[in-house]
PDB file of N, CA and C in Angstrom:
ATOM      1  N   UNK A   1      91.122 127.424 158.210  1.00  0.00           N
ATOM      2  CA  UNK A   1      91.452 127.771 157.582  1.00  0.00           C
ATOM      3  C   UNK A   1      91.012 128.238 156.797  1.00  0.00           C
ATOM      4  N   UNK A   2      91.793 129.910 156.345  1.00  0.00           N
ATOM      5  CA  UNK A   2      91.197 131.144 155.687  1.00  0.00           C
ATOM      6  C   UNK A   2      90.768 130.507 154.244  1.00  0.00           C
ATOM      7  N   UNK A   3      89.905 131.044 153.354  1.00  0.00           N
ATOM      8  CA  UNK A   3      89.504 130.484 152.347  1.00  0.00           C
ATOM      9  C   UNK A   3      89.187 131.414 151.410  1.00  0.00           C
ATOM     10  N   UNK A   4      89.435 131.371 150.059  1.00  0.00           N
ATOM     11  CA  UNK A   4      89.627 132.805 149.280  1.00  0.00           C
ATOM     12  C   UNK A   4      88.152 133.366 148.773  1.00  0.00           C
ATOM     13  N   UNK A   5      87.014 132.669 149.132  1.00  0.00           N
ATOM     14  CA  UNK A   5      85.927 133.574 150.265  1.00  0.00           C
ATOM     15  C   UNK A   5      85.990 135.004 150.426  1.00  0.00           C
ATOM     16  N   UNK A   6      86.263 134.539 151.262  1.00  0.00           N
ATOM     17  CA  UNK A   6      87.336 135.761 152.447  1.00  0.00           C
ATOM     18  C   UNK A   6      88.002 136.224 152.897  1.00  0.00           C
ATOM     19  N   UNK A   7      88.515 136.657 151.605  1.00  0.00           N
ATOM     20  CA  UNK A   7      89.924 136.963 151.092  1.00  0.00           C
ATOM     21  C   UNK A   7      89.377 139.016 150.886  1.00  0.00           C
ATOM     22  N   UNK A   8      90.451 140.017 151.853  1.00  0.00           N
ATOM     23  CA  UNK A   8      89.929 141.564 150.642  1.00  0.00           C
ATOM     24  C   UNK A   8      90.871 141.505 149.541  1.00  0.00           C
ATOM     25  N   UNK A   9      89.515 142.433 149.519  1.00  0.00           N
ATOM     26  CA  UNK A   9      90.169 142.425 147.653  1.00  0.00           C
ATOM     27  C   UNK A   9      91.656 143.236 147.701  1.00  0.00           C
ATOM     28  N   UNK A  10      92.209 143.077 146.730  1.00  0.00           N
ATOM     29  CA  UNK A  10      93.857 144.006 146.094  1.00  0.00           C
ATOM     30  C   UNK A  10      94.097 144.759 144.741  1.00  0.00           C
ATOM     31  N   UNK A  11      94.044 145.310 144.299  1.00  0.00           N
ATOM     32  CA  UNK A  11      94.067 146.143 143.150  1.00  0.00           C
ATOM     33  C   UNK A  11      95.575 145.400 142.298  1.00  0.00           C
ATOM     34  N   UNK A  12      95.592 145.295 141.742  1.00  0.00           N
ATOM     35  CA  UNK A  12      96.431 144.531 140.144  1.00  0.00           C
ATOM     36  C   UNK A  12      96.519 144.789 139.058  1.00  0.00           C
ATOM     37  N   UNK A  13      97.952 145.330 138.664  1.00  0.00           N
ATOM     38  CA  UNK A  13      97.029 144.864 137.326  1.00  0.00           C
ATOM     39  C   UNK A  13      97.752 143.271 136.390  1.00  0.00           C
ATOM     40  N   UNK A  14      96.928 143.678 135.106  1.00  0.00           N
ATOM     41  CA  UNK A  14      96.504 142.462 134.029  1.00  0.00           C
ATOM     42  C   UNK A  14      96.191 142.676 132.888  1.00  0.00           C
ATOM     43  N   UNK A  15      97.074 142.247 131.788  1.00  0.00           N
ATOM     44  CA  UNK A  15      97.201 142.505 130.381  1.00  0.00           C
ATOM     45  C   UNK A  15      96.279 141.661 129.578  1.00  0.00           C
ATOM     46  N   UNK A  16      95.245 142.147 128.748  1.00  0.00           N
ATOM     47  CA  UNK A  16      94.163 141.453 128.513  1.00  0.00           C
ATOM     48  C   UNK A  16      93.991 142.010 126.618  1.00  0.00           C
ATOM     49  N   UNK A  17      93.906 140.880 125.794  1.00  0.00           N
ATOM     50  CA  UNK A  17      93.535 141.912 124.752  1.00  0.00           C
ATOM     51  C   UNK A  17      92.921 142.338 124.539  1.00  0.00           C
ATOM     52  N   UNK A  18      92.853 143.168 123.719  1.00  0.00           N
ATOM     53  CA  UNK A  18      92.086 144.397 123.224  1.00  0.00           C
ATOM     54  C   UNK A  18      91.398 144.747 122.755  1.00  0.00           C
ATOM     55  N   UNK A  19      90.487 143.389 122.242  1.00  0.00           N
ATOM     56  CA  UNK A  19      89.934 143.236 121.249  1.00  0.00           C
ATOM     57  C   UNK A  19      88.571 143.197 122.095  1.00  0.00           C
ATOM     58  N   UNK A  20      88.617 141.745 123.807  1.00  0.00           N
ATOM     59  CA  UNK A  20      87.683 141.590 124.436  1.00  0.00           C
ATOM     60  C   UNK A  20      87.851 142.510 125.409  1.00  0.00           C
ATOM     61  N   UNK A  21      88.725 143.071 125.701  1.00  0.00           N
ATOM     62  CA  UNK A  21      88.167 144.188 126.684  1.00  0.00           C
ATOM     63  C   UNK A  21      87.797 145.508 126.081  1.00  0.00           C
ATOM     64  N   UNK A  22      87.674 145.468 124.521  1.00  0.00           N
ATOM     65  CA  UNK A  22      86.195 146.587 124.346  1.00  0.00           C
ATOM     66  C   UNK A  22      85.205 145.890 124.670  1.00  0.00           C
ATOM     67  N   UNK A  23      84.871 144.540 123.533  1.00  0.00           N
ATOM     68  CA  UNK A  23      83.607 144.242 123.952  1.00  0.00           C
ATOM     69  C   UNK A  23      83.414 143.694 125.383  1.00  0.00           C
ATOM     70  N   UNK A  24      83.529 143.173 126.652  1.00  0.00           N
ATOM     71  CA  UNK A  24      83.159 143.634 127.393  1.00  0.00           C
ATOM     72  C   UNK A  24      82.908 144.970 127.801  1.00  0.00           C
ATOM     73  N   UNK A  25      83.797 145.999 127.390  1.00  0.00           N
ATOM     74  CA  UNK A  25      83.457 146.574 128.658  1.00  0.00           C
ATOM     75  C   UNK A  25      82.349 147.937 127.732  1.00  0.00           C
ATOM     76  N   UNK A  26      81.829 147.101 126.446  1.00  0.00           N
ATOM     77  CA  UNK A  26      80.941 147.434 125.186  1.00  0.00           C
ATOM     78  C   UNK A  26      79.161 146.596 126.100  1.00  0.00           C
ATOM     79  N   UNK A  27      79.551 145.593 126.601  1.00  0.00           N
ATOM     80  CA  UNK A  27      78.816 144.483 126.834  1.00  0.00           C
ATOM     81  C   UNK A  27      78.443 144.484 128.537  1.00  0.00           C
ATOM     82  N   UNK A  28      78.971 145.316 128.954  1.00  0.00           N
ATOM     83  CA  UNK A  28      78.761 146.289 130.156  1.00  0.00           C
ATOM     84  C   UNK A  28      79.300 144.787 131.327  1.00  0.00           C
ATOM     85  N   UNK A  29      80.122 144.101 131.043  1.00  0.00           N
ATOM     86  CA  UNK A  29      80.206 143.322 131.999  1.00  0.00           C
ATOM     87  C   UNK A  29      81.623 143.592 132.743  1.00  0.00           C
ATOM     88  N   UNK A  30      81.370 143.527 134.437  1.00  0.00           N
ATOM     89  CA  UNK A  30      81.945 143.420 134.742  1.00  0.00           C
ATOM     90  C   UNK A  30      83.463 143.138 135.130  1.00  0.00           C
ATOM     91  N   UNK A  31      84.669 143.327 134.501  1.00  0.00           N
ATOM     92  CA  UNK A  31      85.289 142.523 134.207  1.00  0.00           C
ATOM     93  C   UNK A  31      86.348 142.565 135.307  1.00  0.00           C
ATOM     94  N   UNK A  32      86.455 143.235 136.755  1.00  0.00           N
ATOM     95  CA  UNK A  32      87.565 142.422 137.628  1.00  0.00           C
ATOM     96  C   UNK A  32      86.242 141.635 138.343  1.00  0.00           C
ATOM     97  N   UNK A  33      85.171 141.290 138.233  1.00  0.00           N
ATOM     98  CA  UNK A  33      84.145 140.838 138.690  1.00  0.00           C
ATOM     99  C   UNK A  33      84.284 139.539 138.601  1.00  0.00           C
ATOM    100  N   UNK A  34      83.985 139.665 136.632  1.00  0.00           N
ATOM    101  CA  UNK A  34      83.998 138.478 136.162  1.00  0.00           C
ATOM    102  C   UNK A  34      85.849 137.413 135.759  1.00  0.00           C
ATOM    103  N   UNK A  35      86.769 138.194 136.668  1.00  0.00           N
ATOM    104  CA  UNK A  35      88.412 137.647 136.436  1.00  0.00           C
ATOM    105  C   UNK A  35      88.524 137.042 137.505  1.00  0.00           C
ATOM    106  N   UNK A  36      87.963 138.181 138.993  1.00  0.00           N
ATOM    107  CA  UNK A  36      87.281 137.145 140.291  1.00  0.00           C
ATOM    108  C   UNK A  36      86.724 135.841 140.039  1.00  0.00           C
ATOM    109  N   UNK A  37      85.739 135.733 139.956  1.00  0.00           N
ATOM    110  CA  UNK A  37      84.927 134.158 139.264  1.00  0.00           C
ATOM    111  C   UNK A  37      85.820 133.634 138.479  1.00  0.00           C
ATOM    112  N   UNK A  38      86.630 133.822 137.453  1.00  0.00           N
ATOM    113  CA  UNK A  38      86.634 132.533 136.760  1.00  0.00           C
ATOM    114  C   UNK A  38      87.884 132.526 137.740  1.00  0.00           C
ATOM    115  N   UNK A  39      89.017 133.319 138.410  1.00  0.00           N
ATOM    116  CA  UNK A  39      90.414 132.444 138.894  1.00  0.00           C
ATOM    117  C   UNK A  39      89.745 131.509 140.012  1.00  0.00           C
ATOM    118  N   UNK A  40      88.694 132.111 140.882  1.00  0.00           N
ATOM    119  CA  UNK A  40      88.344 131.170 141.725  1.00  0.00           C
ATOM    120  C   UNK A  40      87.918 130.160 141.310  1.00  0.00           C
ATOM    121  N   UNK A  41      87.438 129.791 140.517  1.00  0.00           N
ATOM    122  CA  UNK A  41      87.049 128.559 140.213  1.00  0.00           C
ATOM    123  C   UNK A  41      87.994 127.459 139.622  1.00  0.00           C
ATOM    124  N   UNK A  42      88.624 128.525 138.755  1.00  0.00           N
ATOM    125  CA  UNK A  42      90.254 127.182 138.394  1.00  0.00           C
ATOM    126  C   UNK A  42      91.253 127.334 140.272  1.00  0.00           C
ATOM    127  N   UNK A  43      91.164 128.091 140.717  1.00  0.00           N
ATOM    128  CA  UNK A  43      92.076 127.475 142.166  1.00  0.00           C
ATOM    129  C   UNK A  43      91.218 126.145 142.200  1.00  0.00           C
ATOM    130  N   UNK A  44      90.237 126.496 141.940  1.00  0.00           N
ATOM    131  CA  UNK A  44      89.115 125.571 143.368  1.00  0.00           C
ATOM    132  C   UNK A  44      89.369 123.940 141.955  1.00  0.00           C
ATOM    133  N   UNK A  45      89.325 124.120 141.367  1.00  0.00           N
ATOM    134  CA  UNK A  45      89.965 123.309 140.209  1.00  0.00           C
ATOM    135  C   UNK A  45      91.436 122.863 140.159  1.00  0.00           C
ATOM    136  N   UNK A  46      92.147 123.408 140.400  1.00  0.00           N
ATOM    137  CA  UNK A  46      93.511 122.817 140.706  1.00  0.00           C
ATOM    138  C   UNK A  46      93.698 122.476 142.088  1.00  0.00           C
ATOM    139  N   UNK A  47      92.909 122.584 142.917  1.00  0.00           N
ATOM    140  CA  UNK A  47      93.080 122.305 144.444  1.00  0.00           C
ATOM    141  C   UNK A  47      93.158 120.792 144.236  1.00  0.00           C
ATOM    142  N   UNK A  48      90.980 120.506 143.786  1.00  0.00           N
ATOM    143  CA  UNK A  48      90.739 119.581 143.418  1.00  0.00           C
ATOM    144  C   UNK A  48      91.735 118.578 142.398  1.00  0.00           C
ATOM    145  N   UNK A  49      92.545 118.391 141.542  1.00  0.00           N
ATOM    146  CA  UNK A  49      93.287 118.526 140.597  1.00  0.00           C
ATOM    147  C   UNK A  49      94.417 117.179 141.082  1.00  0.00           C
ATOM    148  N   UNK A  50      94.937 118.830 142.221  1.00  0.00           N
ATOM    149  CA  UNK A  50      96.001 118.770 142.849  1.00  0.00           C
ATOM    150  C   UNK A  50      95.691 116.905 143.778  1.00  0.00           C
ATOM    151  N   UNK A  51      94.519 117.549 144.891  1.00  0.00           N
ATOM    152  CA  UNK A  51      94.266 116.754 145.872  1.00  0.00           C
ATOM    153  C   UNK A  51      93.412 115.076 145.518  1.00  0.00           C
ATOM    154  N   UNK A  52      93.084 115.891 143.812  1.00  0.00           N
ATOM    155  CA  UNK A  52      93.110 113.528 143.407  1.00  0.00           C
ATOM    156  C   UNK A  52      94.322 113.005 143.308  1.00  0.00           C
ATOM    157  N   UNK A  53      95.026 113.824 142.632  1.00  0.00           N
ATOM    158  CA  UNK A  53      96.546 113.107 142.156  1.00  0.00           C
ATOM    159  C   UNK A  53      97.539 112.998 143.815  1.00  0.00           C
ATOM    160  N   UNK A  54      97.553 113.639 144.476  1.00  0.00           N
ATOM    161  CA  UNK A  54      97.804 113.312 145.952  1.00  0.00           C
ATOM    162  C   UNK A  54      97.504 112.197 146.388  1.00  0.00           C
ATOM    163  N   UNK A  55      96.441 111.868 145.867  1.00  0.00           N
ATOM    164  CA  UNK A  55      95.324 111.313 146.358  1.00  0.00           C
ATOM    165  C   UNK A  55      95.162 109.882 146.073  1.00  0.00           C
ATOM    166  N   UNK A  56      95.828 109.373 145.260  1.00  0.00           N
ATOM    167  CA  UNK A  56      95.370 108.120 143.340  1.00  0.00           C
ATOM    168  C   UNK A  56      95.991 106.891 144.508  1.00  0.00           C
ATOM    169  N   UNK A  57      96.491 107.010 145.017  1.00  0.00           N
ATOM    170  CA  UNK A  57      97.434 105.633 145.789  1.00  0.00           C
ATOM    171  C   UNK A  57      96.180 104.871 146.855  1.00  0.00           C
ATOM    172  N   UNK A  58      95.761 105.826 147.202  1.00  0.00           N
ATOM    173  CA  UNK A  58      95.016 105.950 149.035  1.00  0.00           C
ATOM    174  C   UNK A  58      93.016 105.897 147.551  1.00  0.00           C
ATOM    175  N   UNK A  59      93.080 106.164 147.084  1.00  0.00           N
ATOM    176  CA  UNK A  59      91.513 106.223 145.952  1.00  0.00           C
ATOM    177  C   UNK A  59      91.891 104.377 145.618  1.00  0.00           C
ATOM    178  N   UNK A  60      93.046 104.635 144.740  1.00  0.00           N
ATOM    179  CA  UNK A  60      92.984 103.014 144.113  1.00  0.00           C
ATOM    180  C   UNK A  60      92.596 102.022 145.099  1.00  0.00           C
ATOM    181  N   UNK A  61      93.947 101.703 146.759  1.00  0.00           N
ATOM    182  CA  UNK A  61      93.551 100.929 146.829  1.00  0.00           C
ATOM    183  C   UNK A  61      92.145 100.708 148.410  1.00  0.00           C
ATOM    184  N   UNK A  62      91.127 101.827 147.994  1.00  0.00           N
ATOM    185  CA  UNK A  62      89.707 101.995 149.074  1.00  0.00           C
ATOM    186  C   UNK A  62      88.941 101.239 147.417  1.00  0.00           C
ATOM    187  N   UNK A  63      89.291 102.195 146.476  1.00  0.00           N
ATOM    188  CA  UNK A  63      88.448 101.672 145.800  1.00  0.00           C
ATOM    189  C   UNK A  63      88.375  99.233 145.306  1.00  0.00           C
ATOM    190  N   UNK A  64      89.801  99.879 145.492  1.00  0.00           N
ATOM    191  CA  UNK A  64      90.241  97.886 145.874  1.00  0.00           C
ATOM    192  C   UNK A  64      89.259  96.870 146.713  1.00  0.00           C
ATOM    193  N   UNK A  65      90.309  97.799 147.601  1.00  0.00           N
ATOM    194  CA  UNK A  65      89.061  97.348 148.505  1.00  0.00           C
ATOM    195  C   UNK A  65      86.808  96.524 149.228  1.00  0.00           C
ATOM    196  N   UNK A  66      86.819  97.863 148.164  1.00  0.00           N
ATOM    197  CA  UNK A  66      85.329  97.799 147.887  1.00  0.00           C
ATOM    198  C   UNK A  66      85.385  96.237 146.749  1.00  0.00           C
ATOM    199  N   UNK A  67      85.644  96.589 146.334  1.00  0.00           N
ATOM    200  CA  UNK A  67      85.676  95.902 145.300  1.00  0.00           C
ATOM    201  C   UNK A  67      85.929  94.844 145.218  1.00  0.00           C
ATOM    202  N   UNK A  68      86.083  94.053 146.387  1.00  0.00           N
ATOM    203  CA  UNK A  68      87.347  92.783 146.276  1.00  0.00           C
ATOM    204  C   UNK A  68      85.959  92.656 147.496  1.00  0.00           C
ATOM    205  N   UNK A  69      86.080  93.286 148.875  1.00  0.00           N
ATOM    206  CA  UNK A  69      84.949  92.642 150.057  1.00  0.00           C
ATOM    207  C   UNK A  69      83.125  93.289 149.754  1.00  0.00           C
ATOM    208  N   UNK A  70      83.414  94.489 149.209  1.00  0.00           N
ATOM    209  CA  UNK A  70      81.904  95.475 149.389  1.00  0.00           C
ATOM    210  C   UNK A  70      81.791  96.498 150.561  1.00  0.00           C
ATOM    211  N   UNK A  71      80.988  97.104 150.085  1.00  0.00           N
ATOM    212  CA  UNK A  71      81.102  98.020 150.963  1.00  0.00           C
ATOM    213  C   UNK A  71      80.643  97.590 152.894  1.00  0.00           C
ATOM    214  N   UNK A  72      81.777  98.869 153.195  1.00  0.00           N
ATOM    215  CA  UNK A  72      81.418  99.370 154.668  1.00  0.00           C
ATOM    216  C   UNK A  72      79.962  98.685 155.070  1.00  0.00           C
ATOM    217  N   UNK A  73      80.028  98.065 156.258  1.00  0.00           N
ATOM    218  CA  UNK A  73      78.037  97.263 156.759  1.00  0.00           C
ATOM    219  C   UNK A  73      77.602  97.455 155.759  1.00  0.00           C
ATOM    220  N   UNK A  74      77.682  96.663 155.140  1.00  0.00           N
ATOM    221  CA  UNK A  74      76.498  96.967 153.913  1.00  0.00           C
ATOM    222  C   UNK A  74      75.605  95.854 153.856  1.00  0.00           C
ATOM    223  N   UNK A  75      75.687  95.057 154.990  1.00  0.00           N
ATOM    224  CA  UNK A  75      75.488  94.110 155.330  1.00  0.00           C
ATOM    225  C   UNK A  75      74.420  94.560 156.361  1.00  0.00           C
ATOM    226  N   UNK A  76      74.575  95.447 156.881  1.00  0.00           N
ATOM    227  CA  UNK A  76      73.524  95.923 157.735  1.00  0.00           C
ATOM    228  C   UNK A  76      71.913  96.930 157.200  1.00  0.00           C
ATOM    229  N   UNK A  77      72.314  97.250 155.828  1.00  0.00           N
ATOM    230  CA  UNK A  77      71.958  98.233 154.912  1.00  0.00           C
ATOM    231  C   UNK A  77      70.472  97.626 154.566  1.00  0.00           C
ATOM    232  N   UNK A  78      69.257  97.827 155.009  1.00  0.00           N
ATOM    233  CA  UNK A  78      68.148  98.333 154.635  1.00  0.00           C
ATOM    234  C   UNK A  78      67.066  98.021 154.105  1.00  0.00           C
ATOM    235  N   UNK A  79      68.406  98.866 152.781  1.00  0.00           N
ATOM    236  CA  UNK A  79      67.749  99.386 151.057  1.00  0.00           C
ATOM    237  C   UNK A  79      68.488 100.076 150.060  1.00  0.00           C
TER     238      UNK A  79
END
């Protein structure tokens, strides 16, 4: 499986608001690095959201089983 962290970089064009672009440059913020980090976080969050959505029925069913029957092997726990 290819992860986002081990992919190669590719040049792209984006459009940014001129005021934030000016301030970003004045503060010495690396625009490419910042965009890359933010997009990675957005992708991770969206993947998580979709996974939870796609597995919501299973999660609800499992939670109901745990609520009704307790955790598996709960009687074997010593702590």
